[in-house]
Protein backbone atom coordinates (compact mmCIF):
# COMPACT_ATOMS: atom_id res chain seq x y z
CA ASP A 1 -0.38 0.36 -0.12
CA GLY A 2 3.18 2.49 -0.09
CA LYS A 3 3.67 2.81 3.16
CA ARG A 4 6.31 3.30 4.57
CA ILE A 5 8.64 1.02 6.68
CA ASP A 6 11.83 3.13 8.86
CA PHE A 7 14.14 1.17 10.39
CA ARG A 8 15.19 2.42 14.10
CA ALA A 9 18.31 1.99 16.30
CA GLU A 10 20.05 4.05 19.12
CA ASN A 11 24.40 2.85 18.96
CA VAL A 12 25.07 0.68 16.00
CA PRO A 13 27.82 -0.57 15.80
CA VAL A 14 30.16 0.16 12.03
CA ARG A 15 32.93 -1.27 11.14
CA PHE A 16 35.43 -0.55 8.17
CA ASN A 17 38.45 -1.67 6.86
CA LEU A 18 38.79 -1.21 3.10
CA ARG A 19 41.78 -1.61 0.55
CA ARG A 20 42.17 -0.36 -2.31
CA PRO A 21 44.62 -1.81 -4.93
CA LEU A 22 47.38 0.81 -7.06
CA THR A 23 46.51 -0.70 -10.11
CA ARG A 24 43.24 -0.89 -10.05
CA HIS A 25 40.14 1.08 -9.71
CA ARG A 26 38.25 -0.50 -6.74
CA LEU A 27 38.26 -1.08 -3.14
CA ILE A 28 38.13 -5.16 -1.86
CA VAL A 29 37.00 -5.33 1.63
CA GLU A 30 39.06 -6.89 4.75
CA GLN A 31 36.19 -6.29 7.07
CA ALA A 32 32.80 -4.06 6.92
CA GLU A 33 30.35 -4.80 9.56
CA ILE A 34 27.06 -2.71 10.58
CA GLY A 35 23.68 -3.57 12.98
CA PRO A 36 23.58 -4.85 16.68
CA ALA A 37 24.16 -7.93 17.16
CA ASN A 38 21.13 -9.57 16.96
CA LEU A 39 20.60 -7.69 13.83
CA LYS A 40 23.45 -7.47 11.65
CA ALA A 41 25.07 -7.90 9.17
CA SER A 42 28.66 -8.05 7.23
CA LEU A 43 30.61 -8.31 4.04
CA GLU A 44 32.79 -11.86 3.61
CA LYS A 45 36.44 -11.34 3.49
CA GLY A 46 37.86 -10.31 -0.52
CA PHE A 47 34.71 -8.68 -1.13
CA ILE A 48 34.35 -6.60 -4.02
CA LEU A 49 33.43 -2.78 -5.17
CA ASP A 50 34.38 -1.27 -8.14
CA GLU A 51 34.41 2.72 -9.04
CA GLY A 52 30.77 2.03 -10.82
CA GLY A 53 29.01 0.98 -8.16
CA ASN A 54 29.76 -2.41 -8.99
CA PHE A 55 30.59 -5.15 -6.41
CA GLU A 56 30.31 -8.58 -6.05
CA GLY A 57 31.00 -11.15 -3.13
CA THR A 58 29.20 -12.29 0.28
CA LEU A 59 26.69 -10.73 2.50
CA ILE A 60 26.34 -12.66 5.77
CA LEU A 61 22.70 -11.74 7.72
CA GLU A 62 23.19 -12.36 11.57
CA TYR A 63 19.82 -12.69 13.34
CA SER A 64 17.71 -13.48 15.86
CA LEU A 65 14.17 -13.39 15.82
CA PRO A 66 11.49 -11.78 17.21
CA GLU A 67 14.43 -9.26 18.82
CA ALA A 68 14.84 -7.63 14.88
CA LEU A 69 11.77 -6.77 14.33
CA ASP A 70 11.88 -3.97 16.93
CA TYR A 71 13.68 -2.46 14.92
CA PHE A 72 10.95 -1.29 12.98
CA PRO A 73 8.94 0.53 14.76
CA GLY A 74 5.76 0.51 11.93
CA LEU A 75 6.03 -2.90 10.60
CA GLU A 76 2.79 -4.22 11.86
CA MET A 77 2.10 -7.32 12.67
CA PRO A 78 -1.46 -8.89 13.88
CA GLN A 79 -1.95 -9.81 17.31
CA ASP A 80 -1.56 -13.62 17.41
CA PHE A 81 1.09 -13.34 15.31
CA GLN A 82 4.85 -15.72 16.42
CA ILE A 83 8.66 -15.66 14.89
CA ALA A 84 11.48 -16.85 16.41
CA GLY A 85 15.03 -18.13 15.30
CA SER A 86 18.40 -17.23 15.56
CA LYS A 87 19.90 -18.04 11.98
CA ARG A 88 23.60 -17.06 10.21
CA ALA A 89 22.27 -16.54 5.97
CA GLN A 90 24.56 -16.13 4.05
CA PHE A 91 23.82 -14.27 0.53
CA ILE A 92 26.15 -14.09 -2.98
CA LEU A 93 26.14 -11.22 -4.46
CA LYS A 94 26.84 -10.09 -7.43
CA LYS A 95 25.55 -6.48 -9.42
CA GLN A 96 27.21 -5.45 -12.50
CA PRO A 97 27.41 -2.12 -15.27
CA PRO A 98 24.01 -2.41 -16.74
CA ARG A 99 23.20 -4.70 -20.20
CA LEU A 100 19.24 -5.20 -20.19
CA ARG A 101 17.31 -1.92 -18.60
CA PRO A 102 19.94 0.73 -17.20
CA LYS A 103 16.74 2.84 -15.52
CA ASP A 104 16.47 -0.81 -13.18
CA PRO A 105 19.47 -2.07 -11.62
CA LEU A 106 17.47 -5.03 -10.08
CA PHE A 107 18.02 -6.76 -13.71
CA ASP A 108 21.56 -6.39 -13.07
CA LEU A 109 21.35 -8.10 -9.63
CA PHE A 110 22.63 -11.43 -8.65
CA ALA A 111 21.75 -12.90 -4.71
CA GLU A 112 21.81 -16.55 -4.08
CA GLY A 113 21.02 -17.54 -0.19
CA GLU A 114 19.15 -19.43 2.42
CA ILE A 115 17.43 -17.62 5.19
CA GLY A 116 15.34 -19.66 8.03
CA VAL A 117 13.14 -18.95 10.82
CA ASP A 118 12.83 -21.79 13.33
CA THR A 119 8.84 -21.16 14.24
CA ILE A 120 6.29 -18.86 12.48
CA GLY A 121 2.57 -19.11 14.23
CA TYR A 122 -0.29 -17.43 13.43
CA GLY A 123 -4.03 -18.18 13.86
CA GLY A 124 -3.92 -21.23 15.25
CA LEU A 125 -1.07 -22.66 12.02
CA THR A 126 1.99 -24.09 13.40
CA MET A 127 5.31 -24.04 10.82
CA GLU A 128 8.42 -25.26 12.25
CA ASP A 129 12.09 -25.20 10.21
CA VAL A 130 11.39 -22.90 7.77
CA ARG A 131 14.26 -22.91 5.26
CA PRO A 132 14.04 -21.70 1.61
CA SER A 133 16.25 -21.50 -0.41
CA LEU A 134 16.72 -17.46 -2.52
CA THR A 135 17.28 -16.75 -5.63
CA LEU A 136 17.24 -13.68 -7.75
CA LYS A 137 18.47 -13.07 -11.25
CA ASN A 138 16.44 -10.60 -14.02
CA ALA A 139 14.61 -9.48 -11.54
CA ILE A 140 12.15 -12.60 -10.45
CA LEU A 141 12.90 -13.54 -7.05
CA THR A 142 12.66 -17.52 -7.35
CA ILE A 143 11.84 -20.33 -3.95
CA ARG A 144 13.50 -23.29 -4.81
CA PRO A 145 10.54 -26.25 -3.46
CA PHE A 146 12.05 -27.00 0.42
CA THR A 147 8.66 -28.47 3.08
CA CYS A 148 8.62 -27.47 6.67
CA LYS A 149 6.52 -28.49 9.53
CA LEU A 150 3.31 -27.84 9.49
CA ASN A 151 0.63 -28.42 12.64
CA ASP A 152 0.33 -32.65 12.81
CA GLY A 153 2.05 -32.94 8.72
CA HIS A 154 4.06 -30.23 6.50
CA ALA A 155 3.63 -27.73 3.76
CA ASN A 156 5.35 -27.74 0.10
CA PHE A 157 6.48 -24.41 -0.92
CA LEU A 158 7.73 -23.23 -5.05
CA GLY A 159 7.18 -20.28 -6.75
CA ARG A 160 8.90 -17.10 -8.03
CA ILE A 161 7.84 -13.16 -7.94
CA HIS A 162 8.78 -10.69 -9.99
CA LEU A 163 9.94 -7.97 -8.82
CA ASP A 164 9.96 -6.10 -12.16
CA LYS A 165 6.35 -5.77 -11.80
CA THR A 166 3.58 -4.31 -8.99
CA PRO A 167 1.56 -5.40 -7.40
CA PHE A 168 3.90 -8.38 -6.09
CA ALA A 169 2.15 -11.83 -6.72
CA LEU A 170 3.63 -15.92 -6.18
CA VAL A 171 3.55 -17.65 -9.53
CA ILE A 172 3.43 -21.42 -9.08
CA ASP A 173 4.54 -23.00 -12.27
CA GLU A 174 3.81 -27.01 -11.17
CA GLU A 175 1.41 -28.39 -9.47
CA ILE A 176 2.10 -29.58 -5.86
CA PRO A 177 0.22 -30.52 -3.02
CA ALA A 178 0.43 -27.68 -0.19
CA ILE A 179 -1.13 -28.93 2.88
CA GLU A 180 -1.12 -32.31 3.79
CA GLY A 181 -1.56 -34.36 6.75
CA VAL A 182 -2.59 -31.02 8.74
CA THR A 183 -5.72 -31.55 10.92
CA PHE A 184 -8.33 -28.57 11.05
CA GLU A 185 -9.72 -28.55 14.36
CA LYS A 186 -12.33 -25.93 15.12
CA GLN A 187 -10.12 -22.75 15.82
CA LEU A 188 -8.32 -22.69 12.61
CA ALA A 189 -11.30 -24.10 9.98
CA SER A 190 -13.54 -21.21 11.67
CA ARG A 191 -10.01 -19.22 10.19
CA PHE A 192 -9.17 -20.22 7.38
CA LEU A 193 -11.53 -23.09 5.85
CA LYS A 194 -14.17 -19.98 4.45
CA PHE A 195 -11.68 -18.78 2.05
CA PHE A 196 -11.25 -22.34 0.59
CA ASN A 197 -15.31 -22.91 0.50
CA PRO A 198 -16.63 -19.66 0.55
CA ILE A 199 -20.80 -19.64 2.18
């Protein structure tokens, strides 16, 4: 809906140590970290940045949930929403000079990695060990097939999102059983079944 989400934090530690080779118009990261302990981003040693704004290397994101959400005061969650997990995610990043659409930098950005949370709960549904593997290429975010525990059964996910189109929509190219073996108790049925069989 176009609502702005701010990031707010006090006394955020920032550490940078860059090296510039004499023969190249670029910078090489020796150390780069920003953020508090429960939401910290860092660039792995050897990350390369050039004067044209292009880069190549590995981004490491360390986070602890739900504590990390406190840094986004405008992010509104449902009252019974729960999320937990402390993870270390690693992403390979590469930004090349504009080739496909010079005015849209997403088309020249490549990213690949895995994120995860231990548990997500809402409205009687609880997912555990959620670990999607993601690839961003040509402005398309691809979610590779993965399975996680859902209540007393499990759920399967896959799909892709075209980030150059609005509103964003999840596209699923193949048929998979989305939910298997989940018992719909009273609370769960009253909240969700109306979307599958409206009266």
